[in-house]
Amino acid sequence: MQGLPLSFTNVSKSFSIKGNALHVVDNLSLDCPAGSFTALLGPSGCGKSTLLRLALALETEDAGSVQIAGGMPRSACRSGVVGVAFQDAALLPWRTVEDNIRLPFEVLGRARPEAAHIANLIELVGLKGFERARPGELSGGMRQRVAIARALATDPHVLLMDEPFGALDLILRRQMNLELQHIWSEKRPTTLLITHGVDEAVYLADRVIVLSPRPARIVADIPITFQRPRGTDLLRDAEFHRLCDEIGTWLEHGPAKPSPASRA
């Protein structure tokens, strides 16, 4: 599988709330090269999820353009080259792990996937032996693994993730970070991750984008150059903590206190 480029060019978006305009995204441009892993950080309500919804063709930009491989997101989503995982695993409780992972094929009207393909996904996310289990029989972390496997079921070239581990405790979240890194290394989809976890962003991504309070603008674009694969020892690395502190400063103070290592 080869990732596809995702781009936002001079994108603006507003919503009407009780007759008042709410400006959410302001003239934002961002290029996510094929096979890259980009993390988005910003204050709550700044427009992060709106960007994801624009890339999923669930919303339409007021100005500018969003493109996947040079085409419209709607076409990419309908063809199955885009996978998505949200904070809520949103599994169908009456379906087994296998059947939940098969769901995208039914939604897209595709032929039933081969059993070996589903088995490989289940093994990839570490759930071998739970193929016939239903969501009520799984832990929160296991359900989230099913959601990630489902997002990968159609071999997407673009993976969009909106706080997929936000509801998990710290230990489980770190375990899932290790799992996601492994999955991304195996598949290499172009990945855009929305998170509130600074350490999660630095650990997983090769680039961290910091957004301003609403309306969203990019205030920092920080490269992350740690070698892969990344182990838990990175969490104790001095440079790792320096980057987390730098990003935390951007989140707290925005462009008022720029860092030499960052570029707006």
Protein backbone atom coordinates (compact mmCIF):
# COMPACT_ATOMS: atom_id res chain seq x y z
CA MET A 1 0.00 0.00 0.00
CA GLN A 2 1.22 3.49 -0.87
CA GLY A 3 -0.01 6.61 0.90
CA LEU A 4 -1.60 9.42 -1.09
CA PRO A 5 -0.97 13.14 -0.54
CA LEU A 6 -3.55 15.14 1.40
CA SER A 7 -3.66 18.92 1.08
CA PHE A 8 -5.58 21.89 2.50
CA THR A 9 -5.09 25.05 0.44
CA ASN A 10 -6.26 28.43 1.77
CA VAL A 11 -9.19 26.72 3.48
CA SER A 12 -11.76 28.73 5.41
CA LYS A 13 -14.91 27.42 7.08
CA SER A 14 -17.72 29.04 9.07
CA PHE A 15 -20.92 27.73 10.64
CA SER A 16 -24.15 29.53 11.39
CA ILE A 17 -25.12 29.23 15.07
CA LYS A 18 -28.54 30.73 15.86
CA GLY A 19 -28.11 33.18 13.01
CA ASN A 20 -24.58 34.17 14.00
CA ALA A 21 -21.51 33.24 11.95
CA LEU A 22 -18.93 31.12 13.79
CA HIS A 23 -15.60 31.35 11.96
CA VAL A 24 -13.82 28.03 12.58
CA VAL A 25 -10.96 27.81 10.05
CA ASP A 26 -9.20 30.82 8.54
CA ASN A 27 -7.20 30.64 5.30
CA LEU A 28 -5.33 27.51 6.41
CA SER A 29 -2.89 25.67 4.15
CA LEU A 30 -1.32 22.32 5.02
CA ASP A 31 0.34 19.68 2.86
CA CYS A 32 0.60 16.10 4.13
CA PRO A 33 2.97 14.24 1.78
CA ALA A 34 2.31 10.65 0.76
CA GLY A 35 3.20 8.24 3.55
CA SER A 36 3.70 10.96 6.16
CA PHE A 37 2.42 11.00 9.74
CA THR A 38 1.16 14.42 10.85
CA ALA A 39 -0.28 15.26 14.28
CA LEU A 40 -2.60 18.21 14.86
CA LEU A 41 -2.65 19.91 18.26
CA GLY A 42 -4.65 22.92 19.37
CA PRO A 43 -7.05 24.24 22.00
CA SER A 44 -10.44 22.59 22.36
CA GLY A 45 -12.90 23.91 19.81
CA CYS A 46 -10.21 25.45 17.60
CA GLY A 47 -11.29 23.65 14.41
CA LYS A 48 -9.20 20.45 14.41
CA SER A 49 -12.15 18.12 13.94
CA THR A 50 -13.61 20.42 11.29
CA LEU A 51 -10.46 19.92 9.21
CA LEU A 52 -10.90 16.16 9.54
CA ARG A 53 -14.55 16.40 8.52
CA LEU A 54 -13.56 18.46 5.47
CA ALA A 55 -11.08 15.74 4.49
CA LEU A 56 -13.88 13.17 4.88
CA ALA A 57 -16.26 15.26 2.73
CA LEU A 58 -18.65 15.46 5.69
CA GLU A 59 -18.39 19.26 5.47
CA THR A 60 -17.67 21.60 2.56
CA GLU A 61 -15.15 24.42 2.79
CA ASP A 62 -16.38 28.00 2.24
CA ALA A 63 -13.16 28.98 0.49
CA GLY A 64 -10.00 27.23 -0.68
CA SER A 65 -9.78 23.52 -1.43
CA VAL A 66 -9.16 20.15 0.19
CA GLN A 67 -7.67 17.47 -2.05
CA ILE A 68 -6.58 13.85 -1.79
CA ALA A 69 -4.12 12.91 -4.53
CA GLY A 70 -5.22 16.01 -6.42
CA GLY A 71 -8.91 15.05 -6.41
CA MET A 72 -12.00 15.74 -4.36
CA PRO A 73 -12.25 14.02 -0.94
CA ARG A 74 -15.76 12.72 -1.71
CA SER A 75 -14.46 10.58 -4.58
CA ALA A 76 -11.60 9.25 -2.46
CA CYS A 77 -13.93 8.36 0.42
CA ARG A 78 -16.39 6.62 -1.87
CA SER A 79 -13.62 4.55 -3.40
CA GLY A 80 -12.44 3.32 0.01
CA VAL A 81 -8.95 4.85 -0.07
CA VAL A 82 -9.67 6.80 3.14
CA GLY A 83 -9.93 5.11 6.55
CA VAL A 84 -11.16 6.84 9.70
CA ALA A 85 -11.06 6.13 13.43
CA PHE A 86 -12.78 8.29 16.03
CA GLN A 87 -12.54 8.49 19.83
CA ASP A 88 -15.65 6.34 20.09
CA ALA A 89 -14.95 2.92 18.57
CA ALA A 90 -18.62 2.87 17.39
CA LEU A 91 -18.73 -0.91 16.93
CA LEU A 92 -22.01 -2.67 16.20
CA PRO A 93 -22.69 -4.60 19.43
CA TRP A 94 -24.43 -7.54 17.76
CA ARG A 95 -21.55 -8.18 15.36
CA THR A 96 -18.38 -10.13 16.08
CA VAL A 97 -14.88 -8.67 15.75
CA GLU A 98 -14.63 -10.19 12.27
CA ASP A 99 -17.99 -8.84 11.16
CA ASN A 100 -17.30 -5.34 12.51
CA ILE A 101 -14.06 -5.24 10.51
CA ARG A 102 -15.93 -6.35 7.38
CA LEU A 103 -18.43 -3.51 7.69
CA PRO A 104 -16.67 -1.00 5.33
CA PHE A 105 -16.95 -3.47 2.47
CA GLU A 106 -20.71 -3.62 2.95
CA VAL A 107 -21.02 0.16 3.21
CA LEU A 108 -18.98 0.63 0.01
CA GLY A 109 -20.85 -2.15 -1.80
CA ARG A 110 -17.70 -4.20 -2.28
CA ALA A 111 -17.38 -7.94 -2.51
CA ARG A 112 -16.90 -9.76 0.81
CA PRO A 113 -13.17 -9.76 1.66
CA GLU A 114 -11.23 -12.98 1.87
CA ALA A 115 -11.05 -14.55 5.31
CA ALA A 116 -7.25 -14.35 5.20
CA HIS A 117 -7.40 -10.56 4.82
CA ILE A 118 -9.56 -10.17 7.94
CA ALA A 119 -7.37 -12.66 9.82
CA ASN A 120 -4.25 -10.66 8.95
CA LEU A 121 -5.85 -7.43 10.23
CA ILE A 122 -6.89 -9.09 13.47
CA GLU A 123 -3.37 -10.37 13.98
CA LEU A 124 -1.93 -6.98 13.08
CA VAL A 125 -3.85 -5.28 15.90
CA GLY A 126 -3.07 -8.06 18.38
CA LEU A 127 -6.53 -9.62 18.66
CA LYS A 128 -5.88 -13.13 17.39
CA GLY A 129 -8.14 -15.49 19.30
CA PHE A 130 -10.93 -12.91 19.66
CA GLU A 131 -12.33 -13.22 16.15
CA ARG A 132 -15.80 -14.32 17.31
CA ALA A 133 -16.00 -12.07 20.34
CA ARG A 134 -18.57 -9.28 20.46
CA PRO A 135 -17.82 -5.72 21.65
CA GLY A 136 -19.41 -6.31 25.07
CA GLU A 137 -16.85 -9.05 25.69
CA LEU A 138 -13.86 -6.78 24.94
CA SER A 139 -11.99 -4.19 26.97
CA GLY A 140 -11.95 -0.54 25.88
CA GLY A 141 -8.50 -0.89 24.37
CA MET A 142 -9.48 -4.03 22.49
CA ARG A 143 -12.57 -2.32 21.06
CA GLN A 144 -10.39 0.54 19.87
CA ARG A 145 -8.07 -1.97 18.18
CA VAL A 146 -11.08 -3.36 16.32
CA ALA A 147 -11.96 0.18 15.21
CA ILE A 148 -8.43 0.68 13.90
CA ALA A 149 -8.52 -2.66 12.08
CA ARG A 150 -11.85 -1.62 10.55
CA ALA A 151 -10.29 1.69 9.45
CA LEU A 152 -7.53 -0.31 7.74
CA ALA A 153 -9.82 -2.95 6.24
CA THR A 154 -9.96 -1.48 2.74
CA ASP A 155 -6.18 -0.88 2.70
CA PRO A 156 -6.67 2.91 2.80
CA HIS A 157 -4.02 5.21 1.43
CA VAL A 158 -5.08 7.94 3.86
CA LEU A 159 -5.82 7.34 7.56
CA LEU A 160 -7.67 10.05 9.52
CA MET A 161 -7.83 9.72 13.31
CA ASP A 162 -9.71 12.00 15.72
CA GLU A 163 -8.60 11.41 19.34
CA PRO A 164 -8.75 7.61 18.91
CA PHE A 165 -7.28 6.97 22.36
CA GLY A 166 -8.71 9.95 24.23
CA ALA A 167 -10.96 7.89 26.51
CA LEU A 168 -8.25 5.42 27.57
CA ASP A 169 -6.12 5.52 30.71
CA LEU A 170 -2.44 6.47 30.45
CA ILE A 171 -1.02 2.93 30.47
CA LEU A 172 -3.47 1.64 27.87
CA ARG A 173 -2.98 4.77 25.78
CA ARG A 174 0.76 4.16 25.63
CA GLN A 175 0.19 0.54 24.67
CA MET A 176 -2.08 1.70 21.87
CA ASN A 177 0.55 4.23 20.75
CA LEU A 178 2.99 1.34 20.35
CA GLU A 179 0.37 -0.62 18.41
CA LEU A 180 -0.42 2.32 16.13
CA GLN A 181 3.25 2.93 15.40
CA HIS A 182 3.62 -0.74 14.44
CA ILE A 183 0.53 -0.63 12.21
CA TRP A 184 1.64 2.59 10.50
CA SER A 185 5.13 1.18 9.89
CA GLU A 186 3.60 -1.91 8.28
CA LYS A 187 1.07 -0.08 6.07
CA ARG A 188 2.46 3.47 5.68
CA PRO A 189 -0.81 5.29 4.95
CA THR A 190 -0.69 9.07 4.93
CA THR A 191 -1.89 9.71 8.48
CA LEU A 192 -3.45 12.78 10.08
CA LEU A 193 -3.91 12.39 13.83
CA ILE A 194 -5.87 14.82 16.00
CA THR A 195 -4.85 14.64 19.63
CA HIS A 196 -4.69 16.67 22.82
CA GLY A 197 -1.68 14.63 24.01
CA VAL A 198 1.58 16.49 23.35
CA ASP A 199 3.67 13.43 24.23
CA GLU A 200 1.47 11.25 21.99
CA ALA A 201 1.98 13.63 19.07
CA VAL A 202 5.76 13.77 19.49
CA TYR A 203 6.00 10.01 19.96
CA LEU A 204 3.95 9.04 16.92
CA ALA A 205 4.33 11.76 14.29
CA ASP A 206 7.10 12.95 12.02
CA ARG A 207 5.56 16.43 12.09
CA VAL A 208 3.48 18.29 14.67
CA ILE A 209 1.19 21.14 13.62
CA VAL A 210 0.03 23.53 16.35
CA LEU A 211 -3.18 25.45 15.69
CA SER A 212 -4.32 28.74 17.16
CA PRO A 213 -7.57 29.21 19.08
CA ARG A 214 -10.61 29.45 16.79
CA PRO A 215 -10.50 30.30 13.95
CA ALA A 216 -7.77 27.76 13.29
CA ARG A 217 -4.53 29.00 11.85
CA ILE A 218 -1.16 27.25 11.89
CA VAL A 219 1.11 28.85 14.49
CA ALA A 220 3.87 26.22 14.51
CA ASP A 221 5.05 23.45 12.19
CA ILE A 222 7.58 21.31 14.06
CA PRO A 223 9.50 18.40 12.48
CA ILE A 224 10.00 15.28 14.62
CA THR A 225 13.12 13.44 13.52
CA PHE A 226 13.49 10.56 16.00
CA GLN A 227 14.40 7.31 14.27
CA ARG A 228 11.81 4.58 13.87
CA PRO A 229 10.82 2.23 15.31
CA ARG A 230 10.42 4.21 18.52
CA GLY A 231 10.50 2.37 21.82
CA THR A 232 9.31 3.39 25.27
CA ASP A 233 12.85 4.52 26.11
CA LEU A 234 12.14 7.59 23.91
CA LEU A 235 9.72 8.80 26.60
CA ARG A 236 12.75 9.35 28.88
CA ASP A 237 14.86 11.11 26.25
CA ALA A 238 15.90 14.70 26.99
CA GLU A 239 15.23 15.87 23.42
CA PHE A 240 11.77 14.28 23.54
CA HIS A 241 10.94 16.30 26.64
CA ARG A 242 12.42 19.46 25.17
CA LEU A 243 10.14 19.15 22.14
CA CYS A 244 7.12 18.46 24.38
CA ASP A 245 7.94 21.58 26.40
CA GLU A 246 8.35 23.65 23.22
CA ILE A 247 5.02 22.50 21.84
CA GLY A 248 3.38 23.10 25.21
CA THR A 249 4.68 26.68 25.11
CA TRP A 250 3.20 27.18 21.64
CA LEU A 251 -0.14 25.85 22.87
CA GLU A 252 -0.10 28.12 25.90
CA HIS A 253 1.26 31.31 24.35
CA GLY A 254 0.84 30.93 20.58
CA PRO A 255 2.85 33.15 18.27
CA ALA A 256 3.62 35.63 21.05
CA LYS A 257 6.59 33.49 22.16
CA PRO A 258 8.08 31.83 19.08
CA SER A 259 10.79 29.21 19.34
CA PRO A 260 13.83 29.21 17.04
CA ALA A 261 13.24 25.52 16.29
CA SER A 262 9.72 26.14 15.01
CA ARG A 263 8.34 27.85 11.95
CA ALA A 264 4.91 29.36 11.66
